[in-house]
């Protein structure tokens, strides 16, 4: 078993279960404050962008070459676009603002739909943690940190509407965990299906493609939703802070 194999599975599991942190925020308040959401989602976007361009795409170029890595990068963005069109998902904040009432059935439907969409989007992120750990344990840790931070607001987005609709904290936590478990599932698929065929070049393609996926999620989802709360400057501050924190963590690792 190569170095990083077991670590990749562990990291993907821990990153996936970080949705629990967000779900606890969702249990504390039915509607998170707009400043909190703007800053948090911006922060997550900054982390995702930094690790994608500084680590993933760069590693892809080094392993596979400039042109092939960029083809894989844009293919990853294109694949994520298709997934987003076929099974779109939105944060609860886009539909349920303070002062607005919503029927419980609609809230529950929203929460379950968000859980399904996030679970599907989390699948390739689990593969990213696993593949990154195979490439370099420190890279795997970096990717897992980025994904874990990204998963915190996702866990909140799943839990908040479900607990508001049902009053059940157990159901909210359950669906949050299920959406996060798509991460180790993705890692497991990478380990069982892709591992026998992995080479430096193929690994580079995958890393570059995952970078494209993460950039798409950031540009299409995190930053626009962060700015939708009306605190544009706070959103950009969050992006900058996310990049600074990610740069510091990469330096320390």
Protein backbone atom coordinates (compact mmCIF):
# COMPACT_ATOMS: atom_id res chain seq x y z
CA UNK A 1 0.00 0.00 0.00
CA UNK A 2 1.62 3.29 -1.09
CA UNK A 3 2.27 6.21 1.19
CA UNK A 4 -0.79 8.39 1.54
CA UNK A 5 -3.35 5.65 0.73
CA UNK A 6 -4.80 5.30 4.23
CA UNK A 7 -4.24 9.00 4.93
CA UNK A 8 -6.32 9.93 1.89
CA UNK A 9 -9.26 7.85 3.10
CA UNK A 10 -9.02 9.33 6.60
CA UNK A 11 -8.73 12.90 5.34
CA UNK A 12 -11.72 12.57 3.04
CA UNK A 13 -13.81 11.21 5.90
CA UNK A 14 -12.82 14.02 8.26
CA UNK A 15 -13.40 16.66 5.58
CA UNK A 16 -16.83 15.23 4.85
CA UNK A 17 -17.85 15.11 8.49
CA UNK A 18 -16.97 18.79 8.89
CA UNK A 19 -20.54 19.39 7.68
CA UNK A 20 -21.42 18.59 11.28
CA UNK A 21 -19.80 21.85 12.39
CA UNK A 22 -22.03 23.80 10.06
CA UNK A 23 -25.07 21.82 11.11
CA UNK A 24 -24.48 22.84 14.74
CA UNK A 25 -24.58 26.50 13.63
CA UNK A 26 -27.85 25.71 11.89
CA UNK A 27 -29.24 24.26 15.10
CA UNK A 28 -28.33 27.35 17.11
CA UNK A 29 -30.33 29.71 14.91
CA UNK A 30 -33.03 29.18 12.32
CA UNK A 31 -31.59 31.94 10.19
CA UNK A 32 -27.88 32.81 10.29
CA UNK A 33 -27.02 36.49 10.19
CA UNK A 34 -26.22 38.01 6.79
CA UNK A 35 -22.86 39.35 7.93
CA UNK A 36 -21.86 35.92 9.20
CA UNK A 37 -22.88 34.22 5.96
CA UNK A 38 -21.24 36.85 3.74
CA UNK A 39 -17.92 36.58 5.57
CA UNK A 40 -17.99 32.78 5.95
CA UNK A 41 -18.87 32.00 2.35
CA UNK A 42 -16.35 34.55 1.10
CA UNK A 43 -13.69 32.99 3.33
CA UNK A 44 -14.47 29.55 1.97
CA UNK A 45 -14.28 30.87 -1.59
CA UNK A 46 -10.85 32.37 -0.94
CA UNK A 47 -9.59 29.06 0.43
CA UNK A 48 -10.93 27.14 -2.56
CA UNK A 49 -9.46 29.52 -5.13
CA UNK A 50 -6.05 29.61 -3.47
CA UNK A 51 -5.62 25.86 -3.13
CA UNK A 52 -6.92 25.29 -6.67
CA UNK A 53 -4.47 27.60 -8.42
CA UNK A 54 -1.48 27.40 -6.08
CA UNK A 55 -1.54 23.66 -5.38
CA UNK A 56 -3.83 21.56 -7.59
CA UNK A 57 -3.37 23.13 -11.02
CA UNK A 58 0.34 23.65 -10.41
CA UNK A 59 0.75 19.99 -9.44
CA UNK A 60 -1.17 19.00 -12.56
CA UNK A 61 1.11 21.07 -14.78
CA UNK A 62 4.20 19.58 -13.18
CA UNK A 63 2.93 16.00 -13.58
CA UNK A 64 1.18 16.15 -16.95
CA UNK A 65 2.42 19.23 -18.77
CA UNK A 66 0.96 22.70 -19.27
CA UNK A 67 -1.50 22.03 -22.11
CA UNK A 68 -2.88 18.65 -20.89
CA UNK A 69 -3.32 19.99 -17.36
CA UNK A 70 -5.25 23.02 -18.56
CA UNK A 71 -7.42 20.86 -20.80
CA UNK A 72 -8.24 18.76 -17.72
CA UNK A 73 -8.82 21.92 -15.69
CA UNK A 74 -11.40 23.29 -18.12
CA UNK A 75 -12.90 19.83 -18.53
CA UNK A 76 -13.44 19.79 -14.77
CA UNK A 77 -15.17 23.14 -14.94
CA UNK A 78 -17.32 21.92 -17.83
CA UNK A 79 -18.28 18.72 -16.03
CA UNK A 80 -19.26 20.69 -12.94
CA UNK A 81 -21.33 23.01 -15.11
CA UNK A 82 -23.29 20.02 -16.45
CA UNK A 83 -23.84 18.65 -12.95
CA UNK A 84 -24.98 22.06 -11.76
CA UNK A 85 -27.43 22.40 -14.66
CA UNK A 86 -28.86 18.91 -14.25
CA UNK A 87 -29.01 18.94 -10.45
CA UNK A 88 -28.70 22.54 -9.24
CA UNK A 89 -28.50 23.36 -5.56
CA UNK A 90 -28.73 26.64 -3.73
CA UNK A 91 -28.00 27.79 -0.24
CA UNK A 92 -31.07 28.30 1.87
CA UNK A 93 -30.20 31.99 2.24
CA UNK A 94 -31.05 32.56 -1.42
CA UNK A 95 -34.67 31.59 -0.79
CA UNK A 96 -35.45 32.34 2.84
CA UNK A 97 -34.70 35.77 4.20
CA UNK A 98 -35.41 37.14 7.68
CA UNK A 99 -39.00 38.23 8.00
CA UNK A 100 -40.25 35.85 5.33
CA UNK A 101 -42.49 32.98 6.32
CA UNK A 102 -42.25 29.60 4.60
CA UNK A 103 -44.39 26.55 5.00
CA UNK A 104 -42.76 23.61 6.69
CA UNK A 105 -43.22 21.36 3.68
CA UNK A 106 -41.36 23.80 1.46
CA UNK A 107 -38.58 24.21 3.98
CA UNK A 108 -38.19 20.46 4.32
CA UNK A 109 -38.14 20.01 0.55
CA UNK A 110 -35.51 22.74 0.29
CA UNK A 111 -33.35 21.15 2.97
CA UNK A 112 -33.51 17.69 1.42
CA UNK A 113 -32.79 19.08 -2.03
CA UNK A 114 -29.78 20.97 -0.71
CA UNK A 115 -28.55 17.78 0.98
CA UNK A 116 -28.86 15.84 -2.27
CA UNK A 117 -27.13 18.50 -4.33
CA UNK A 118 -24.32 18.98 -1.82
CA UNK A 119 -23.81 15.22 -1.58
CA UNK A 120 -23.35 14.99 -5.35
CA UNK A 121 -20.98 17.95 -5.34
CA UNK A 122 -19.03 16.46 -2.42
CA UNK A 123 -18.30 13.22 -4.29
CA UNK A 124 -15.43 14.56 -6.44
CA UNK A 125 -14.09 16.49 -3.45
CA UNK A 126 -13.53 13.18 -1.66
CA UNK A 127 -11.58 12.02 -4.68
CA UNK A 128 -9.53 15.22 -4.46
CA UNK A 129 -8.47 14.55 -0.86
CA UNK A 130 -7.52 10.96 -1.66
CA UNK A 131 -5.60 11.75 -4.84
CA UNK A 132 -3.89 14.72 -3.20
CA UNK A 133 -2.68 12.54 -0.33
CA UNK A 134 -1.24 10.06 -2.83
CA UNK A 135 0.65 12.86 -4.53
CA UNK A 136 1.94 14.39 -1.30
CA UNK A 137 0.59 13.96 2.26
CA UNK A 138 0.90 17.71 2.91
CA UNK A 139 -1.07 18.41 -0.27
CA UNK A 140 -3.77 16.00 0.87
CA UNK A 141 -4.00 17.78 4.20
CA UNK A 142 -4.21 21.16 2.44
CA UNK A 143 -7.02 19.99 0.18
CA UNK A 144 -8.86 18.44 3.12
CA UNK A 145 -8.61 21.72 5.06
CA UNK A 146 -9.99 23.66 2.10
CA UNK A 147 -12.83 21.19 1.62
CA UNK A 148 -13.60 21.08 5.34
CA UNK A 149 -13.94 24.86 5.48
CA UNK A 150 -16.11 24.74 2.38
CA UNK A 151 -18.31 22.05 3.98
CA UNK A 152 -19.08 24.07 7.11
CA UNK A 153 -21.54 26.48 5.44
CA UNK A 154 -22.89 23.55 3.43
CA UNK A 155 -23.70 21.70 6.65
CA UNK A 156 -25.44 24.82 7.89
CA UNK A 157 -27.40 25.07 4.64
CA UNK A 158 -28.65 21.51 5.06
CA UNK A 159 -29.49 21.65 8.75
CA UNK A 160 -31.15 25.03 9.08
CA UNK A 161 -34.20 24.47 6.84
CA UNK A 162 -34.71 20.90 8.07
CA UNK A 163 -34.72 21.82 11.74
CA UNK A 164 -36.95 24.80 10.97
CA UNK A 165 -39.40 22.56 9.11
CA UNK A 166 -39.45 19.53 11.38
CA UNK A 167 -38.19 20.80 14.73
CA UNK A 168 -36.02 17.68 14.81
CA UNK A 169 -32.35 18.27 15.51
CA UNK A 170 -31.63 14.58 14.93
CA UNK A 171 -33.02 14.71 11.38
CA UNK A 172 -31.04 17.86 10.65
CA UNK A 173 -27.80 16.27 11.85
CA UNK A 174 -28.57 13.01 10.02
CA UNK A 175 -29.03 14.68 6.63
CA UNK A 176 -25.99 16.85 7.18
CA UNK A 177 -23.88 13.76 7.90
CA UNK A 178 -25.27 11.90 4.89
CA UNK A 179 -24.36 14.76 2.57
CA UNK A 180 -20.84 14.81 4.02
CA UNK A 181 -20.37 11.05 3.69
CA UNK A 182 -20.27 11.51 -0.07
CA UNK A 183 -16.66 12.61 0.51
CA UNK A 184 -15.29 9.26 1.76
CA UNK A 185 -17.50 7.53 -0.82
CA UNK A 186 -15.71 9.47 -3.55
CA UNK A 187 -12.36 8.58 -1.99
CA UNK A 188 -13.37 4.92 -1.89
CA UNK A 189 -14.25 4.96 -5.59
CA UNK A 190 -10.91 6.58 -6.35
CA UNK A 191 -9.13 3.92 -4.30
CA UNK A 192 -10.99 0.92 -5.76
CA UNK A 193 -11.47 2.00 -9.37
CA UNK A 194 -8.76 4.51 -10.23
CA UNK A 195 -5.84 3.30 -8.11
CA UNK A 196 -4.75 0.38 -10.36
CA UNK A 197 -4.48 2.78 -13.31
CA UNK A 198 -2.87 5.72 -11.54
CA UNK A 199 0.34 7.14 -12.93
CA UNK A 200 1.98 10.53 -12.49
CA UNK A 201 0.35 11.79 -15.70
CA UNK A 202 -3.13 10.50 -14.82
CA UNK A 203 -2.75 11.89 -11.32
CA UNK A 204 -1.89 15.25 -12.83
CA UNK A 205 -5.01 15.18 -15.00
CA UNK A 206 -7.19 14.39 -12.00
CA UNK A 207 -5.65 17.10 -9.83
CA UNK A 208 -6.10 19.69 -12.59
CA UNK A 209 -9.69 18.57 -13.20
CA UNK A 210 -10.48 18.80 -9.50
CA UNK A 211 -9.01 22.31 -9.51
CA UNK A 212 -11.48 23.19 -12.25
CA UNK A 213 -14.32 21.72 -10.22
CA UNK A 214 -13.37 23.71 -7.12
CA UNK A 215 -12.95 26.95 -9.08
CA UNK A 216 -16.38 26.47 -10.65
CA UNK A 217 -17.98 25.90 -7.24
CA UNK A 218 -16.32 29.07 -5.95
CA UNK A 219 -17.19 31.34 -8.88
CA UNK A 220 -20.66 29.97 -9.56
CA UNK A 221 -21.78 29.42 -6.00
CA UNK A 222 -19.77 30.63 -3.04
CA UNK A 223 -18.83 34.17 -4.04
CA UNK A 224 -22.16 35.08 -5.71
CA UNK A 225 -24.13 33.78 -2.73
CA UNK A 226 -21.77 35.54 -0.34
CA UNK A 227 -22.34 38.86 -2.14
CA UNK A 228 -26.11 38.31 -2.30
CA UNK A 229 -26.41 39.23 1.37
CA UNK A 230 -25.69 42.87 0.53
CA UNK A 231 -22.31 43.12 2.23
CA UNK A 232 -20.02 43.17 -0.80
CA UNK A 233 -16.99 44.51 1.03
CA UNK A 234 -17.36 41.96 3.81
CA UNK A 235 -17.56 39.22 1.19
CA UNK A 236 -14.30 40.35 -0.42
CA UNK A 237 -12.67 40.63 3.01
CA UNK A 238 -13.68 37.01 3.57
CA UNK A 239 -12.12 35.98 0.25
CA UNK A 240 -8.86 37.73 1.15
CA UNK A 241 -8.79 36.24 4.64
CA UNK A 242 -9.42 32.77 3.21
CA UNK A 243 -6.46 33.14 0.87
CA UNK A 244 -4.21 34.44 3.66
CA UNK A 245 -5.17 31.60 6.00
CA UNK A 246 -4.69 29.01 3.26
CA UNK A 247 -1.32 30.47 2.28
CA UNK A 248 -0.21 30.40 5.92
CA UNK A 249 -1.36 26.81 6.37
CA UNK A 250 0.43 25.70 3.20
CA UNK A 251 3.59 27.45 4.36
CA UNK A 252 3.43 25.80 7.78
CA UNK A 253 2.70 22.40 6.27
